[in-house]
Protein backbone atom coordinates (compact mmCIF):
# COMPACT_ATOMS: atom_id res chain seq x y z
CA MET A 1 54.84 149.06 102.90
CA GLN A 2 55.39 146.69 99.77
CA LYS A 3 58.66 148.27 98.97
CA GLU A 4 59.63 147.32 102.35
CA GLU A 5 58.80 143.87 102.26
CA ASN A 6 60.41 143.65 99.00
CA LYS A 7 63.76 145.03 100.28
CA ILE A 8 63.50 142.50 103.21
CA GLU A 9 62.87 139.67 100.83
CA ARG A 10 65.87 140.68 98.56
CA LYS A 11 68.12 140.88 101.83
CA ARG A 12 66.97 137.33 102.82
CA ILE A 13 67.61 135.85 99.26
CA ARG A 14 70.89 137.49 99.23
CA GLY A 15 71.63 136.34 102.73
CA ALA A 16 70.64 132.69 101.46
CA HIS A 17 73.13 132.70 98.75
CA VAL A 18 75.84 133.96 100.89
CA THR A 19 75.18 131.18 103.17
CA THR A 20 75.29 128.47 100.54
CA VAL A 21 78.72 129.94 99.07
CA LEU A 22 80.28 129.72 102.49
CA SER A 23 78.70 126.23 102.90
CA ILE A 24 80.07 125.15 99.81
CA ALA A 25 83.53 126.86 100.70
CA THR A 26 83.85 125.18 103.90
CA VAL A 27 83.53 121.89 102.31
CA LEU A 28 85.86 122.33 99.50
CA PHE A 29 88.22 123.95 102.04
CA LEU A 30 88.27 120.80 103.89
CA LEU A 31 88.82 118.62 100.50
CA CYS A 32 91.48 120.90 99.47
CA ILE A 33 93.15 120.37 102.76
CA GLN A 34 92.90 116.68 102.69
CA GLY A 35 94.23 116.77 98.76
CA LEU A 36 97.19 118.71 100.07
CA MET A 37 98.09 116.37 102.75
CA LEU A 38 97.94 113.43 100.31
CA GLY A 39 100.23 115.08 97.91
CA TYR A 40 102.86 116.25 100.73
CA ALA A 41 102.61 112.77 102.16
CA GLY A 42 103.93 111.44 98.95
CA LYS A 43 106.74 114.04 99.26
CA VAL A 44 107.57 113.09 102.74
CA SER A 45 107.32 109.58 101.78
CA ASP A 46 109.99 110.14 99.02
CA TYR A 47 112.21 112.15 101.35
CA VAL A 48 112.40 109.48 103.83
CA LYS A 49 113.24 106.90 101.15
CA GLU A 50 115.68 108.77 99.47
CA ASN A 51 117.70 109.30 102.71
CA ILE A 52 118.21 105.88 103.41
CA GLY A 53 121.89 105.35 103.02
CA PHE A 54 123.72 102.63 101.09
CA THR A 55 127.39 102.14 101.61
CA LEU A 56 129.71 100.67 99.07
CA MET A 57 132.99 99.26 100.67
CA ILE A 58 135.58 99.40 98.47
CA LYS A 59 138.70 97.16 98.54
CA GLU A 60 141.96 98.22 100.15
CA TYR A 61 144.57 99.66 97.92
CA THR A 62 142.31 100.65 95.04
CA ARG A 63 143.37 103.49 93.24
CA GLU A 64 141.30 106.89 93.82
CA SER A 65 141.00 107.51 89.70
CA ASP A 66 139.44 103.73 89.30
CA ILE A 67 136.89 104.50 92.32
CA MET A 68 135.96 107.87 90.72
CA ASP A 69 135.41 105.94 87.35
CA MET A 70 133.07 103.51 88.85
CA LYS A 71 131.28 106.33 91.00
CA GLU A 72 130.62 108.06 87.52
CA ILE A 73 129.10 104.97 86.04
CA ILE A 74 127.04 104.29 89.29
CA ASP A 75 125.64 108.13 89.09
CA ARG A 76 124.54 107.34 85.51
CA SER A 77 122.21 104.24 86.64
CA PRO A 78 118.57 104.77 86.78
CA TYR A 79 118.42 103.78 90.29
CA VAL A 80 120.80 106.31 91.81
CA LYS A 81 119.64 109.80 92.95
CA SER A 82 123.08 110.77 94.26
CA SER A 83 126.45 109.32 95.67
CA ARG A 84 129.18 110.58 97.38
CA TYR A 85 132.79 109.53 97.48
CA ILE A 86 134.51 109.00 101.13
CA SER A 87 138.14 108.30 101.03
CA LYS A 88 139.74 106.55 104.11
CA GLU A 89 141.17 109.83 105.44
CA GLU A 90 137.66 111.61 105.45
CA ALA A 91 136.00 108.19 106.93
CA ALA A 92 138.73 108.72 109.92
CA LYS A 93 138.17 112.34 110.31
CA GLU A 94 134.12 111.75 110.57
CA LEU A 95 134.57 108.65 113.05
CA GLN A 96 136.86 110.67 114.94
CA GLU A 97 134.44 113.43 115.37
CA ASP A 98 131.73 111.03 116.38
CA LEU A 99 133.85 109.13 118.77
CA GLY A 100 135.71 112.42 120.26
CA GLN A 101 139.21 110.89 120.06
CA ASP A 102 141.76 109.87 117.59
CA PHE A 103 141.57 106.21 117.18
CA VAL A 104 144.27 106.45 114.29
CA GLU A 105 146.89 107.56 116.70
CA PHE A 106 145.87 104.80 119.16
CA LEU A 107 146.29 102.09 116.77
CA GLY A 108 148.87 103.22 114.73
CA TYR A 109 147.05 102.90 111.46
CA ASN A 110 143.67 103.67 109.88
CA PRO A 111 141.92 100.41 109.66
CA LEU A 112 138.69 101.98 107.61
CA LEU A 113 138.27 101.48 103.85
CA PRO A 114 137.28 103.96 101.13
CA SER A 115 133.58 103.89 100.40
CA ILE A 116 130.80 105.29 98.30
CA GLU A 117 127.60 106.50 99.91
CA ILE A 118 124.48 105.90 97.86
CA HIS A 119 121.01 107.39 97.84
CA LEU A 120 118.59 105.76 95.69
CA LYS A 121 115.46 107.29 94.02
CA ALA A 122 112.23 106.79 95.90
CA ASP A 123 110.67 104.43 93.20
CA TYR A 124 113.57 102.10 93.87
CA THR A 125 113.91 102.03 97.43
CA ASN A 126 112.49 98.71 97.79
CA GLN A 127 113.59 95.35 98.74
CA ASP A 128 113.43 93.87 94.93
CA SER A 129 115.05 96.97 93.41
CA VAL A 130 117.85 97.10 96.08
CA ALA A 131 118.46 93.45 95.74
CA LYS A 132 118.82 93.69 91.75
CA PHE A 133 120.98 96.79 92.51
CA GLU A 134 123.26 95.13 94.90
CA GLU A 135 123.68 92.13 92.46
CA GLN A 136 124.81 94.75 89.72
CA LEU A 137 127.32 96.56 91.92
CA THR A 138 129.01 93.46 93.48
CA ARG A 139 129.96 92.31 90.09
CA TYR A 140 132.84 95.06 89.93
CA HIS A 141 135.94 93.70 91.13
CA LEU A 142 136.63 96.99 93.35
CA VAL A 143 133.63 96.12 95.44
CA LYS A 144 134.32 94.24 98.69
CA GLU A 145 130.68 94.57 100.00
CA MET A 146 127.53 96.56 99.86
CA TYR A 147 126.21 97.54 103.46
CA TYR A 148 122.54 98.66 103.91
CA GLN A 149 119.75 97.70 106.53
CA PRO A 150 117.08 95.81 104.76
CA ASP A 151 114.91 95.71 108.09
CA LEU A 152 114.76 99.59 107.76
CA ILE A 153 113.83 99.45 104.05
CA ARG A 154 110.95 97.04 105.05
CA LEU A 155 109.96 99.17 107.83
CA VAL A 156 109.83 102.44 105.95
CA ASN A 157 107.80 100.81 102.89
CA ASP A 158 105.36 99.21 105.29
CA ASN A 159 104.69 102.17 107.17
CA VAL A 160 104.33 104.11 103.88
CA ALA A 161 101.81 101.76 102.52
CA ARG A 162 99.84 101.90 105.90
CA ILE A 163 99.75 105.70 106.24
CA SER A 164 98.72 105.95 102.33
CA LEU A 165 96.07 103.42 102.90
CA TRP A 166 94.56 105.35 105.84
CA LEU A 167 94.79 108.68 104.09
CA SER A 168 93.04 107.46 101.08
CA ILE A 169 90.16 106.09 103.36
CA ALA A 170 89.98 109.44 105.21
CA SER A 171 89.95 111.43 101.67
CA LEU A 172 87.40 109.01 100.09
CA PHE A 173 85.19 109.75 103.31
CA ILE A 174 85.75 113.45 103.15
CA LEU A 175 84.73 113.22 99.32
CA VAL A 176 81.53 111.33 100.25
CA VAL A 177 80.71 114.04 103.09
CA ALA A 178 81.47 117.08 100.56
CA ILE A 179 79.06 115.36 97.91
CA TYR A 180 76.49 115.08 100.53
CA LEU A 181 76.74 118.43 102.13
CA ILE A 182 76.91 120.46 98.74
CA SER A 183 73.76 118.39 97.42
CA ASN A 184 71.82 118.97 100.75
CA THR A 185 72.76 122.68 100.75
CA LEU A 186 71.48 123.23 97.11
CA ARG A 187 68.67 121.12 97.69
CA LEU A 188 67.37 123.15 100.51
CA LEU A 189 67.86 126.54 98.35
CA ILE A 190 65.83 124.86 95.49
CA TYR A 191 63.40 123.71 97.99
CA SER A 192 62.79 127.28 98.95
CA LYS A 193 61.79 127.96 95.07
CA ARG A 194 59.69 124.99 94.53
CA PHE A 195 56.44 127.07 94.35
CA THR A 196 58.30 129.19 91.56
CA ILE A 197 59.13 126.20 89.33
CA ASN A 198 55.70 125.03 89.95
CA THR A 199 54.27 128.48 88.72
CA MET A 200 56.75 128.42 85.80
CA GLN A 201 55.40 125.05 84.65
CA LEU A 202 51.61 126.18 85.02
CA VAL A 203 52.46 129.25 82.58
CA GLY A 204 53.99 126.90 79.89
CA ALA A 205 57.86 127.39 80.36
CA THR A 206 59.86 124.42 79.22
CA PRO A 207 61.74 122.19 81.62
CA ARG A 208 65.17 123.55 80.11
CA PHE A 209 64.22 127.30 80.50
CA ILE A 210 63.21 126.32 84.20
CA ARG A 211 66.31 124.62 84.98
CA LYS A 212 69.07 126.92 83.12
CA PRO A 213 68.62 129.67 85.65
CA PHE A 214 69.01 127.30 88.81
CA ILE A 215 71.85 125.36 87.31
CA CYS A 216 73.81 128.54 86.15
CA LYS A 217 73.31 130.30 89.58
CA SER A 218 74.40 126.92 91.52
CA MET A 219 77.67 126.67 89.23
CA ILE A 220 78.38 130.35 90.00
CA GLN A 221 78.01 129.46 93.72
CA GLY A 222 80.20 126.33 93.33
CA ILE A 223 82.91 128.56 91.47
CA LEU A 224 82.73 131.06 94.03
CA GLY A 225 82.91 128.67 96.94
CA ALA A 226 85.99 126.89 95.24
CA LEU A 227 87.94 130.16 95.00
CA ILE A 228 87.13 131.11 98.59
CA ALA A 229 88.61 127.46 99.57
CA ILE A 230 91.60 127.76 97.45
CA LEU A 231 92.32 131.14 98.49
CA CYS A 232 92.13 130.23 102.05
CA ALA A 233 94.22 127.17 101.77
CA GLY A 234 96.65 129.03 99.58
CA LEU A 235 97.10 131.73 102.39
CA GLY A 236 97.67 128.69 104.87
CA LEU A 237 100.30 127.42 102.76
CA LEU A 238 101.95 130.90 102.59
CA TYR A 239 101.80 131.15 106.48
CA LEU A 240 103.20 127.79 106.82
CA ASN A 241 106.14 128.54 104.49
CA GLY A 242 106.95 131.64 106.80
CA LYS A 243 107.24 129.38 109.77
CA VAL A 244 108.76 126.27 107.98
CA PRO A 245 110.68 127.53 104.95
CA GLU A 246 110.96 125.60 101.67
CA ILE A 247 107.68 123.97 102.43
CA ILE A 248 106.54 125.23 99.02
CA ASN A 249 109.10 124.68 96.09
CA LYS A 250 109.15 124.59 92.40
CA GLN A 251 108.75 120.80 92.40
CA ASP A 252 105.62 121.08 94.59
CA LEU A 253 103.89 124.04 92.58
CA GLY A 254 102.51 121.34 89.83
CA MET A 255 101.07 119.22 92.59
CA ILE A 256 99.35 122.35 94.49
CA LEU A 257 97.82 123.52 91.19
CA CYS A 258 96.65 120.12 90.54
CA VAL A 259 94.89 119.96 93.96
CA PHE A 260 93.39 123.27 93.43
CA ALA A 261 92.32 122.62 89.90
CA ALA A 262 90.60 119.43 91.08
CA VAL A 263 88.95 121.41 94.05
CA LEU A 264 87.56 123.79 91.38
CA LEU A 265 86.39 120.99 89.00
CA VAL A 266 84.72 119.27 92.13
CA GLY A 267 82.79 122.78 92.85
CA ILE A 268 81.74 123.07 89.34
CA LEU A 269 80.76 119.38 88.86
CA PHE A 270 78.93 118.62 92.25
CA THR A 271 76.77 121.82 92.13
CA LEU A 272 75.84 121.26 88.67
CA VAL A 273 74.42 117.66 89.24
CA SER A 274 72.82 118.57 92.67
CA ALA A 275 71.22 121.53 90.89
CA TRP A 276 69.99 119.28 87.93
CA VAL A 277 68.75 116.51 90.18
CA SER A 278 67.11 118.90 92.40
CA VAL A 279 65.06 120.87 89.82
CA ASN A 280 64.06 117.72 88.04
CA LYS A 281 62.61 116.59 91.24
CA TYR A 282 60.12 119.42 91.31
CA LEU A 283 59.75 119.42 87.53
CA LYS A 284 58.49 116.06 87.56
CA MET A 285 56.17 116.53 90.65
CA ARG A 286 52.66 116.21 89.23
CA ASN A 287 50.71 116.47 92.34
CA SER A 288 51.23 120.07 93.45
CA GLU A 289 49.77 119.32 97.01
CA ARG A 290 53.19 117.46 97.61
CA LEU A 291 54.94 120.73 97.14
CA TYR A 292 53.74 121.69 100.87
CA TYR A 293 55.84 118.86 102.10
């Protein structure tokens, strides 16, 4: 009879530990997803900014060799991500495809100018940097004008700032919820061991001796929960990569690994602190009658 009761008790304890690990894993998974969303939000923001086109119109009758020399100088600028030279003929061909008719034959000549299409790095796609870059380019005697849409730059930067703010607020909220849920889960688990803590105190065990197994066990639960969360998030990313190719590339691996490392650190740190606080609560409890409440 006693053996059967002990067996049931061990199953109950194992079930409680599994539930705790899964609860921690669920919370950390949400935190992991939010971290990845923040990381990819930055990637999408940079992609949008770097695809805003700036067209440098070149004066007519400029030699192509001079244009290519200037393009080489532009490519070395810290502002520039990429550039493409478009000759008069290429510009006419592209416009003909857009219009669906041969306007050169209709007009009798090609009125278009050669140009250089420029894409700036994301960090420099803002009004101040673009204004400085435009000032530098218009000093070249080959340049007729620089064409871009300042309203589009302003709109993109405003929307990126707004989205980043809301994502940051949501991340902070999820972090607070994660702290509360992990702390509450471990507090309940340690609450079920409060009489064991009290008994160990009565037989003369030191606080450090009592605290150590609870903290170690909680940290192990935090590590297991974090690994489960990371595994689920990793499988989710692989699934999305199968549906949307190139969602994961070499440039993103660093960001993804940083998020996973942060989730693992959060799992260890929060479980350690929560277990420490919860055990100390019962270690400092002088009135044993309060253990029943």
